[in-house]
N, C-alpha and C. Protein backbone atom coordinates (compact mmCIF):
# COMPACT_ATOMS: atom_id res chain seq x y z
N MET A 1 -34.05 46.71 -64.82
CA MET A 1 -32.98 47.39 -63.91
C MET A 1 -32.91 46.52 -62.93
N ILE A 2 -31.52 46.75 -62.62
CA ILE A 2 -30.83 46.12 -61.22
C ILE A 2 -30.80 47.10 -60.33
N SER A 3 -31.55 47.10 -59.79
CA SER A 3 -31.99 48.01 -58.38
C SER A 3 -30.70 47.79 -57.32
N MET A 4 -30.53 46.79 -56.91
CA MET A 4 -29.38 46.33 -56.48
C MET A 4 -28.32 45.08 -56.11
N LEU A 5 -27.65 44.98 -56.33
CA LEU A 5 -26.35 44.01 -56.31
C LEU A 5 -25.70 43.93 -54.76
N ARG A 6 -26.08 42.94 -54.37
CA ARG A 6 -25.95 42.46 -53.01
C ARG A 6 -25.04 41.24 -53.03
N ILE A 7 -24.08 41.18 -52.17
CA ILE A 7 -23.63 40.06 -51.55
C ILE A 7 -23.89 40.07 -50.33
N ASP A 8 -24.48 38.48 -49.86
CA ASP A 8 -25.13 37.84 -48.95
C ASP A 8 -25.00 36.35 -48.82
N ASP A 9 -23.99 36.10 -47.37
CA ASP A 9 -24.13 34.36 -47.44
C ASP A 9 -24.67 33.73 -47.87
N ARG A 10 -26.34 34.10 -47.02
CA ARG A 10 -26.99 33.51 -47.09
C ARG A 10 -27.93 33.76 -47.84
N LEU A 11 -27.90 34.62 -48.83
CA LEU A 11 -28.77 34.49 -50.01
C LEU A 11 -29.77 34.94 -50.25
N ILE A 12 -30.85 34.28 -50.04
CA ILE A 12 -32.31 35.40 -49.37
C ILE A 12 -33.16 34.37 -48.42
N HIS A 13 -33.36 35.78 -47.62
CA HIS A 13 -33.58 34.98 -45.99
C HIS A 13 -34.12 36.26 -45.94
N GLY A 14 -34.54 36.40 -44.21
CA GLY A 14 -35.52 37.72 -43.85
C GLY A 14 -35.23 38.93 -44.25
N GLN A 15 -34.07 39.32 -43.73
CA GLN A 15 -33.99 41.10 -43.99
C GLN A 15 -33.85 41.00 -45.66
N ILE A 16 -33.69 39.84 -46.68
CA ILE A 16 -33.87 40.67 -48.04
C ILE A 16 -35.55 40.06 -48.40
N ALA A 17 -36.05 39.25 -47.72
CA ALA A 17 -37.26 38.42 -48.32
C ALA A 17 -38.33 40.02 -48.19
N ILE A 18 -37.65 40.07 -46.83
CA ILE A 18 -38.93 41.06 -46.25
C ILE A 18 -38.71 42.46 -45.88
N VAL A 19 -37.75 42.68 -45.80
CA VAL A 19 -37.28 44.14 -45.68
C VAL A 19 -36.59 44.61 -46.97
N TRP A 20 -35.54 44.28 -47.64
CA TRP A 20 -35.07 44.98 -48.52
C TRP A 20 -36.14 44.77 -49.85
N SER A 21 -36.30 43.79 -50.00
CA SER A 21 -37.41 43.60 -51.32
C SER A 21 -38.65 44.85 -51.19
N LYS A 22 -38.60 44.79 -49.90
CA LYS A 22 -40.29 46.01 -50.16
C LYS A 22 -39.12 47.32 -49.93
N THR A 23 -38.33 47.64 -49.31
CA THR A 23 -37.42 48.62 -49.51
C THR A 23 -37.58 49.72 -51.07
N LEU A 24 -36.86 48.45 -51.61
CA LEU A 24 -36.62 48.77 -52.99
C LEU A 24 -38.03 48.69 -54.32
N GLY A 25 -38.54 48.21 -53.58
CA GLY A 25 -40.09 47.92 -54.38
C GLY A 25 -39.69 46.89 -55.72
N VAL A 26 -38.88 45.84 -55.53
CA VAL A 26 -38.58 44.87 -56.43
C VAL A 26 -39.85 43.82 -57.04
N SER A 27 -39.47 43.62 -58.18
CA SER A 27 -40.68 42.68 -58.43
C SER A 27 -39.48 41.34 -59.01
N ARG A 28 -38.65 40.98 -59.00
CA ARG A 28 -37.90 39.67 -58.84
C ARG A 28 -36.66 39.94 -57.86
N ILE A 29 -36.39 38.57 -57.96
CA ILE A 29 -35.24 38.61 -56.79
C ILE A 29 -34.27 37.40 -57.40
N ILE A 30 -33.30 37.56 -58.08
CA ILE A 30 -32.51 36.45 -58.87
C ILE A 30 -31.00 35.97 -57.86
N VAL A 31 -30.77 35.18 -57.88
CA VAL A 31 -29.62 34.42 -57.32
C VAL A 31 -28.93 33.89 -58.25
N ALA A 32 -27.84 34.60 -57.99
CA ALA A 32 -26.81 34.45 -59.22
C ALA A 32 -25.79 33.28 -57.93
N ASN A 33 -26.01 31.90 -58.18
CA ASN A 33 -24.52 31.18 -57.47
C ASN A 33 -24.51 29.87 -58.18
N ASP A 34 -23.33 29.28 -58.24
CA ASP A 34 -23.55 28.06 -59.34
C ASP A 34 -24.06 27.04 -58.43
N THR A 35 -23.59 27.13 -56.95
CA THR A 35 -23.61 26.16 -56.47
C THR A 35 -25.24 25.86 -55.94
N ALA A 36 -25.96 26.97 -55.55
CA ALA A 36 -27.10 26.55 -55.54
C ALA A 36 -27.68 26.83 -57.09
N ALA A 37 -27.60 26.87 -57.74
CA ALA A 37 -28.32 26.64 -59.25
C ALA A 37 -28.05 24.85 -59.28
N ASN A 38 -27.23 24.21 -58.94
CA ASN A 38 -27.12 23.32 -59.22
C ASN A 38 -27.70 22.09 -58.26
N ASN A 39 -28.17 22.75 -57.18
CA ASN A 39 -28.76 21.98 -56.07
C ASN A 39 -29.88 22.29 -55.79
N GLU A 40 -30.50 21.45 -56.35
CA GLU A 40 -32.13 21.30 -56.53
C GLU A 40 -32.79 21.64 -54.86
N PHE A 41 -32.22 20.73 -53.92
CA PHE A 41 -32.93 21.51 -52.77
C PHE A 41 -32.25 22.75 -52.07
N GLN A 42 -31.23 23.48 -52.49
CA GLN A 42 -31.02 24.56 -52.08
C GLN A 42 -32.02 25.47 -52.58
N LYS A 43 -31.67 25.39 -54.31
CA LYS A 43 -32.58 26.18 -55.29
C LYS A 43 -33.83 26.13 -54.87
N ASN A 44 -34.58 25.06 -54.15
CA ASN A 44 -36.03 25.10 -53.94
C ASN A 44 -36.56 25.63 -52.28
N SER A 45 -35.23 25.41 -51.75
CA SER A 45 -35.47 26.45 -50.25
C SER A 45 -35.48 27.81 -50.34
N LEU A 46 -34.48 27.84 -51.46
CA LEU A 46 -34.29 29.86 -51.54
C LEU A 46 -35.48 30.18 -52.21
N LYS A 47 -36.18 29.75 -53.61
CA LYS A 47 -37.72 30.24 -53.47
C LYS A 47 -38.53 30.35 -52.55
N MET A 48 -38.82 29.47 -52.04
CA MET A 48 -39.84 29.51 -50.81
C MET A 48 -39.46 30.56 -50.01
N ALA A 49 -38.23 30.98 -49.70
CA ALA A 49 -38.25 32.50 -49.05
C ALA A 49 -38.12 33.58 -49.71
N THR A 50 -38.81 33.32 -50.89
CA THR A 50 -39.25 34.69 -51.32
C THR A 50 -40.76 35.10 -51.48
N PRO A 51 -40.71 35.92 -51.04
CA PRO A 51 -41.94 36.58 -50.48
C PRO A 51 -43.14 36.64 -51.47
N GLU A 52 -44.28 36.15 -51.05
CA GLU A 52 -45.32 36.44 -52.23
C GLU A 52 -45.43 37.67 -53.18
N GLY A 53 -45.36 37.28 -54.28
CA GLY A 53 -46.33 38.61 -55.14
C GLY A 53 -44.51 38.76 -55.71
N ILE A 54 -43.20 38.41 -55.44
CA ILE A 54 -42.19 38.75 -56.08
C ILE A 54 -41.62 37.01 -57.10
N LYS A 55 -41.24 37.26 -58.01
CA LYS A 55 -40.69 36.12 -58.75
C LYS A 55 -39.64 36.04 -58.33
N SER A 56 -38.58 34.62 -58.41
CA SER A 56 -37.69 34.57 -57.74
C SER A 56 -37.15 33.22 -58.96
N LEU A 57 -35.85 33.43 -59.06
CA LEU A 57 -35.11 32.52 -59.83
C LEU A 57 -33.50 32.36 -59.27
N VAL A 58 -33.04 31.35 -59.02
CA VAL A 58 -31.65 30.95 -58.83
C VAL A 58 -31.14 30.31 -59.83
N CYS A 59 -30.33 30.78 -60.21
CA CYS A 59 -29.33 30.24 -61.35
C CYS A 59 -27.77 30.21 -61.36
N THR A 60 -27.10 30.38 -62.65
CA THR A 60 -25.89 29.96 -62.76
C THR A 60 -25.09 31.71 -62.52
N VAL A 61 -24.29 32.06 -62.38
CA VAL A 61 -23.66 33.63 -62.50
C VAL A 61 -23.96 34.12 -63.73
N GLU A 62 -23.45 33.13 -64.81
CA GLU A 62 -22.99 33.48 -66.06
C GLU A 62 -24.86 33.50 -67.02
N LYS A 63 -25.49 32.57 -66.74
CA LYS A 63 -27.30 32.43 -66.70
C LYS A 63 -27.42 34.02 -66.36
N ALA A 64 -27.53 34.83 -65.11
CA ALA A 64 -27.93 35.33 -64.73
C ALA A 64 -27.29 36.72 -65.51
N ILE A 65 -26.16 36.64 -66.10
CA ILE A 65 -25.42 37.85 -66.96
C ILE A 65 -26.44 37.69 -68.23
N GLY A 66 -26.81 36.69 -68.86
CA GLY A 66 -27.39 36.33 -70.16
C GLY A 66 -28.88 37.35 -70.03
N ILE A 67 -29.53 36.89 -69.00
CA ILE A 67 -30.78 37.54 -68.38
C ILE A 67 -31.10 38.73 -68.07
N LEU A 68 -29.68 39.50 -67.37
CA LEU A 68 -29.93 40.80 -66.85
C LEU A 68 -29.65 41.57 -68.40
N ASN A 69 -28.62 40.82 -69.37
CA ASN A 69 -28.06 42.08 -70.38
C ASN A 69 -29.45 41.72 -71.49
N ASN A 70 -30.71 41.22 -71.31
CA ASN A 70 -31.75 40.77 -72.18
C ASN A 70 -32.65 42.20 -72.25
N PRO A 71 -32.47 42.87 -72.93
CA PRO A 71 -33.60 43.99 -73.26
C PRO A 71 -34.64 44.17 -72.35
N LYS A 72 -35.69 42.75 -72.47
CA LYS A 72 -36.72 42.73 -71.77
C LYS A 72 -36.39 42.96 -70.28
N SER A 73 -35.63 42.62 -69.78
CA SER A 73 -35.32 43.10 -68.25
C SER A 73 -35.07 44.21 -67.95
N LYS A 74 -34.86 45.00 -68.67
CA LYS A 74 -34.63 46.89 -68.75
C LYS A 74 -36.03 46.73 -67.97
N ASP A 75 -37.36 46.49 -68.05
CA ASP A 75 -38.43 47.16 -67.53
C ASP A 75 -38.73 46.71 -66.24
N LEU A 76 -37.95 45.50 -65.42
CA LEU A 76 -38.13 45.15 -64.74
C LEU A 76 -37.43 45.44 -63.25
N LYS A 77 -37.98 45.66 -62.11
CA LYS A 77 -36.89 46.14 -61.08
C LYS A 77 -36.57 44.47 -59.78
N ILE A 78 -34.93 44.58 -60.46
CA ILE A 78 -34.83 43.51 -59.94
C ILE A 78 -33.62 43.60 -58.80
N LEU A 79 -33.64 42.63 -57.20
CA LEU A 79 -32.74 42.76 -56.82
C LEU A 79 -31.89 41.36 -57.03
N LEU A 80 -30.67 41.64 -57.18
CA LEU A 80 -29.79 40.56 -57.28
C LEU A 80 -28.60 39.97 -56.52
N ILE A 81 -28.48 38.70 -55.79
CA ILE A 81 -27.57 38.48 -54.97
C ILE A 81 -27.01 37.56 -55.51
N VAL A 82 -25.59 37.76 -55.20
CA VAL A 82 -24.94 36.97 -55.03
C VAL A 82 -23.80 36.42 -53.35
N ASP A 83 -22.92 35.73 -53.20
CA ASP A 83 -22.47 35.43 -52.19
C ASP A 83 -20.85 35.61 -52.45
N THR A 84 -20.16 35.92 -53.02
CA THR A 84 -18.79 36.22 -53.61
C THR A 84 -18.38 37.48 -54.03
N PRO A 85 -17.16 37.97 -53.41
CA PRO A 85 -16.95 39.35 -53.91
C PRO A 85 -16.47 39.19 -55.74
N GLU A 86 -15.99 37.97 -55.91
CA GLU A 86 -16.01 37.40 -57.30
C GLU A 86 -16.84 37.47 -58.45
N ASP A 87 -18.38 36.72 -57.86
CA ASP A 87 -19.01 36.94 -58.51
C ASP A 87 -19.53 38.26 -58.62
N MET A 88 -19.56 39.51 -57.85
CA MET A 88 -20.02 40.52 -57.95
C MET A 88 -19.28 41.01 -59.00
N LEU A 89 -17.90 41.31 -59.19
CA LEU A 89 -16.86 41.56 -60.10
C LEU A 89 -17.34 41.07 -61.35
N THR A 90 -17.37 39.98 -61.70
CA THR A 90 -17.81 39.11 -62.85
C THR A 90 -19.12 40.04 -63.34
N ILE A 91 -20.17 40.25 -62.74
CA ILE A 91 -21.00 40.70 -63.00
C ILE A 91 -21.25 42.52 -63.11
N VAL A 92 -20.36 42.89 -62.93
CA VAL A 92 -20.09 44.63 -63.13
C VAL A 92 -19.31 44.71 -64.25
N GLU A 93 -18.05 43.72 -64.69
CA GLU A 93 -17.81 44.15 -65.48
C GLU A 93 -18.75 43.23 -66.94
N LYS A 94 -19.80 42.28 -66.57
CA LYS A 94 -20.27 42.03 -67.81
C LYS A 94 -21.54 42.72 -67.88
N VAL A 95 -22.18 43.31 -66.51
CA VAL A 95 -23.70 44.24 -67.09
C VAL A 95 -23.68 45.54 -66.69
N SER A 96 -24.33 46.31 -67.31
CA SER A 96 -23.93 47.65 -66.85
C SER A 96 -25.75 48.12 -66.30
N ASP A 97 -25.79 49.39 -65.74
CA ASP A 97 -26.93 49.56 -65.59
C ASP A 97 -27.68 49.09 -64.08
N ILE A 98 -26.21 48.90 -63.08
CA ILE A 98 -26.54 48.37 -61.75
C ILE A 98 -26.35 49.80 -60.67
N GLU A 99 -27.95 49.93 -60.12
CA GLU A 99 -27.81 51.41 -59.42
C GLU A 99 -27.13 51.39 -58.22
N VAL A 100 -27.03 50.25 -57.73
CA VAL A 100 -25.82 49.99 -56.12
C VAL A 100 -25.91 48.37 -55.87
N LEU A 101 -24.36 49.32 -55.29
CA LEU A 101 -24.13 47.33 -54.83
C LEU A 101 -23.89 47.74 -53.00
N ASN A 102 -24.10 46.75 -52.54
CA ASN A 102 -24.31 46.66 -51.43
C ASN A 102 -23.86 45.11 -50.86
N ILE A 103 -23.45 45.25 -49.61
CA ILE A 103 -22.49 44.45 -48.70
C ILE A 103 -23.27 44.26 -47.93
N GLY A 104 -23.83 42.58 -47.21
CA GLY A 104 -25.33 42.73 -46.57
C GLY A 104 -23.90 41.76 -45.02
N ASN A 105 -23.98 40.77 -45.62
CA ASN A 105 -23.28 40.02 -44.63
C ASN A 105 -22.44 39.15 -45.43
N TYR A 106 -21.01 39.04 -45.09
CA TYR A 106 -20.08 38.02 -45.95
C TYR A 106 -19.21 38.25 -45.29
N GLY A 107 -18.38 36.66 -45.26
CA GLY A 107 -17.01 35.90 -44.90
C GLY A 107 -17.44 35.22 -43.25
N ARG A 108 -18.05 35.34 -42.72
CA ARG A 108 -18.36 34.30 -41.37
C ARG A 108 -18.36 32.61 -42.23
N ALA A 109 -19.57 32.53 -43.21
CA ALA A 109 -19.87 31.41 -43.65
C ALA A 109 -18.77 30.48 -44.01
N LYS A 110 -17.80 30.89 -44.58
CA LYS A 110 -16.64 29.99 -45.30
C LYS A 110 -15.26 30.50 -44.95
N GLY A 111 -14.07 29.46 -44.98
CA GLY A 111 -13.29 30.03 -44.34
C GLY A 111 -12.54 29.97 -42.71
N ILE A 112 -11.59 30.39 -42.40
CA ILE A 112 -11.48 30.58 -40.90
C ILE A 112 -11.68 32.05 -40.44
N VAL A 113 -12.91 32.28 -40.05
CA VAL A 113 -12.72 33.59 -39.37
C VAL A 113 -11.94 34.58 -38.91
N SER A 114 -11.36 33.88 -38.13
CA SER A 114 -9.77 34.04 -36.98
C SER A 114 -8.84 34.97 -38.34
N GLU A 115 -8.56 34.38 -39.09
CA GLU A 115 -7.81 35.21 -40.14
C GLU A 115 -8.27 36.15 -41.26
N LYS A 116 -9.41 36.41 -40.97
CA LYS A 116 -9.99 37.31 -41.86
C LYS A 116 -9.77 39.16 -41.18
N LYS A 117 -10.22 39.84 -41.69
CA LYS A 117 -9.59 41.27 -41.15
C LYS A 117 -11.43 41.96 -40.85
N LYS A 118 -11.88 41.64 -39.47
CA LYS A 118 -13.51 42.19 -39.48
C LYS A 118 -13.18 43.70 -39.64
N LEU A 119 -14.33 44.53 -40.66
CA LEU A 119 -14.40 45.71 -41.27
C LEU A 119 -15.79 45.92 -40.79
N GLY A 120 -16.74 45.17 -40.23
CA GLY A 120 -18.06 45.26 -39.60
C GLY A 120 -18.37 44.24 -38.66
N SER A 121 -19.85 44.42 -38.55
CA SER A 121 -20.19 43.11 -37.20
C SER A 121 -20.87 42.07 -37.98
N SER A 122 -20.60 42.01 -39.43
CA SER A 122 -20.93 40.98 -40.45
C SER A 122 -20.26 40.89 -41.66
N LEU A 123 -19.20 41.76 -41.55
CA LEU A 123 -18.28 41.63 -42.65
C LEU A 123 -17.18 41.21 -42.21
N TYR A 124 -16.30 40.22 -42.60
CA TYR A 124 -14.88 39.54 -42.52
C TYR A 124 -14.18 39.15 -44.02
N ILE A 125 -13.04 39.79 -43.97
CA ILE A 125 -12.55 39.60 -45.51
C ILE A 125 -11.20 39.18 -45.50
N THR A 126 -10.60 38.79 -46.57
CA THR A 126 -9.33 38.30 -46.74
C THR A 126 -8.74 39.35 -47.48
N ASN A 127 -7.52 39.12 -47.52
CA ASN A 127 -6.33 40.22 -48.57
C ASN A 127 -6.91 40.39 -49.60
N GLN A 128 -6.98 38.71 -50.45
CA GLN A 128 -7.86 38.69 -51.48
C GLN A 128 -9.44 39.57 -52.09
N ASP A 129 -10.21 39.40 -51.05
CA ASP A 129 -11.44 40.10 -50.87
C ASP A 129 -11.00 41.41 -51.03
N ALA A 130 -10.39 41.76 -50.47
CA ALA A 130 -9.87 43.32 -50.02
C ALA A 130 -9.70 43.48 -51.72
N GLN A 131 -8.49 42.89 -52.60
CA GLN A 131 -8.10 43.49 -53.50
C GLN A 131 -9.43 43.62 -54.72
N ILE A 132 -10.02 42.89 -54.73
CA ILE A 132 -11.57 42.22 -55.48
C ILE A 132 -12.24 43.84 -55.25
N PHE A 133 -12.56 43.81 -54.12
CA PHE A 133 -13.23 45.00 -54.05
C PHE A 133 -12.60 46.13 -54.22
N LYS A 134 -11.28 46.74 -53.88
CA LYS A 134 -10.82 47.80 -54.50
C LYS A 134 -10.91 48.30 -56.67
N GLU A 135 -10.72 46.71 -57.18
CA GLU A 135 -10.90 46.15 -58.00
C GLU A 135 -12.46 47.05 -58.88
N ILE A 136 -13.23 46.41 -58.10
CA ILE A 136 -14.94 46.84 -58.51
C ILE A 136 -15.03 48.72 -58.22
N ILE A 137 -14.31 49.06 -57.02
CA ILE A 137 -14.20 50.13 -57.07
C ILE A 137 -13.76 51.56 -58.13
N SER A 138 -12.89 50.83 -58.48
CA SER A 138 -11.64 51.32 -59.44
C SER A 138 -12.90 51.15 -60.62
N LYS A 139 -13.77 50.67 -61.17
CA LYS A 139 -14.43 50.56 -62.57
C LYS A 139 -15.53 51.36 -62.10
N GLY A 140 -15.71 52.52 -60.48
CA GLY A 140 -16.48 53.84 -60.56
C GLY A 140 -17.35 53.60 -59.98
N GLN A 141 -17.84 52.70 -59.38
CA GLN A 141 -18.81 52.76 -58.11
C GLN A 141 -18.82 51.93 -57.35
N ASP A 142 -19.03 52.99 -56.10
CA ASP A 142 -18.36 52.94 -54.82
C ASP A 142 -19.29 50.97 -54.44
N ILE A 143 -19.29 50.62 -52.92
CA ILE A 143 -20.00 49.83 -52.71
C ILE A 143 -20.11 49.60 -51.40
N SER A 144 -21.71 49.56 -50.85
CA SER A 144 -22.04 50.23 -49.22
C SER A 144 -22.00 48.87 -48.75
N TYR A 145 -21.48 48.74 -47.48
CA TYR A 145 -21.67 48.00 -46.14
C TYR A 145 -23.10 48.46 -45.71
N GLN A 146 -24.06 48.08 -45.53
CA GLN A 146 -25.42 47.97 -44.74
C GLN A 146 -26.29 46.65 -44.69
N GLN A 147 -26.39 46.29 -43.42
CA GLN A 147 -27.15 45.40 -43.55
C GLN A 147 -28.60 45.48 -43.93
N VAL A 148 -29.48 46.52 -43.21
CA VAL A 148 -30.80 46.95 -43.74
C VAL A 148 -30.88 48.33 -43.93
N PRO A 149 -31.94 48.62 -44.86
CA PRO A 149 -32.03 49.66 -45.21
C PRO A 149 -31.90 50.84 -43.98
N SER A 150 -32.41 50.27 -43.12
CA SER A 150 -33.07 51.44 -42.07
C SER A 150 -31.41 52.32 -41.12
N SER A 151 -30.38 51.11 -41.30
CA SER A 151 -28.67 51.57 -40.97
C SER A 151 -28.36 52.03 -42.04
N ASN A 152 -27.48 53.26 -41.66
CA ASN A 152 -26.21 53.90 -42.33
C ASN A 152 -25.28 52.91 -42.78
N GLY A 153 -25.44 52.91 -44.49
CA GLY A 153 -24.72 52.66 -45.32
C GLY A 153 -22.93 53.21 -44.93
N GLN A 154 -22.19 51.93 -44.96
CA GLN A 154 -20.51 52.56 -44.83
C GLN A 154 -19.71 52.19 -46.14
N SER A 155 -18.82 53.29 -46.73
CA SER A 155 -18.64 53.21 -47.98
C SER A 155 -17.49 52.12 -47.85
N MET A 156 -17.09 50.72 -49.02
CA MET A 156 -15.94 50.42 -48.59
C MET A 156 -14.90 50.62 -48.84
N ASN A 157 -14.76 51.90 -49.77
CA ASN A 157 -13.36 52.50 -50.04
C ASN A 157 -13.05 53.14 -49.17
N GLU A 158 -14.14 53.64 -47.99
CA GLU A 158 -13.37 54.13 -46.79
C GLU A 158 -13.05 52.62 -45.83
N LEU A 159 -13.68 51.66 -45.96
CA LEU A 159 -13.38 50.89 -45.00
C LEU A 159 -12.17 50.33 -45.29
N LEU A 160 -11.71 50.30 -46.39
CA LEU A 160 -10.78 49.52 -47.19
C LEU A 160 -9.43 50.23 -46.91
N LYS A 161 -9.38 51.54 -46.62
CA LYS A 161 -8.31 52.30 -46.51
C LYS A 161 -7.23 51.87 -45.88
N GLY A 162 -6.19 51.67 -46.01
CA GLY A 162 -5.00 51.14 -45.36
C GLY A 162 -4.99 49.58 -45.80
N GLU A 163 -6.04 49.05 -46.15
CA GLU A 163 -5.59 47.63 -46.77
C GLU A 163 -4.55 47.63 -47.88
């Protein structure tokens, strides 16, 4: 079962490793990122950031989809992390049983921040991002913008009004 699919520019970091993984009670963290999957240094760094007692996997988006659709995965509690709205959309279209869609930190790491619209303290989007988020929401599942579990989440549907 996928407890949460999260967009986060930083992939695995302190908030993921310590706070989200414990709050969700996950046994696995899967990073679905084509770039990281093909970079041994980045892959190893992400695995080292994974907390003890939780297994991690860094793989391509397509490989993650295959793993998540495997019946054996249904018994696991998985935190799935991507770093783009495009990857979130691809996964939502091809994988069922995703409990929560979440955005943590997005938009500052790539592109020119001044050309993006700021929707939250760590959420900057382009017009294309907005369209992709609307497409995901149109599939019947809202996305929450929430950095840490102790903060109140905000509905992307509400944040995108007027976009």
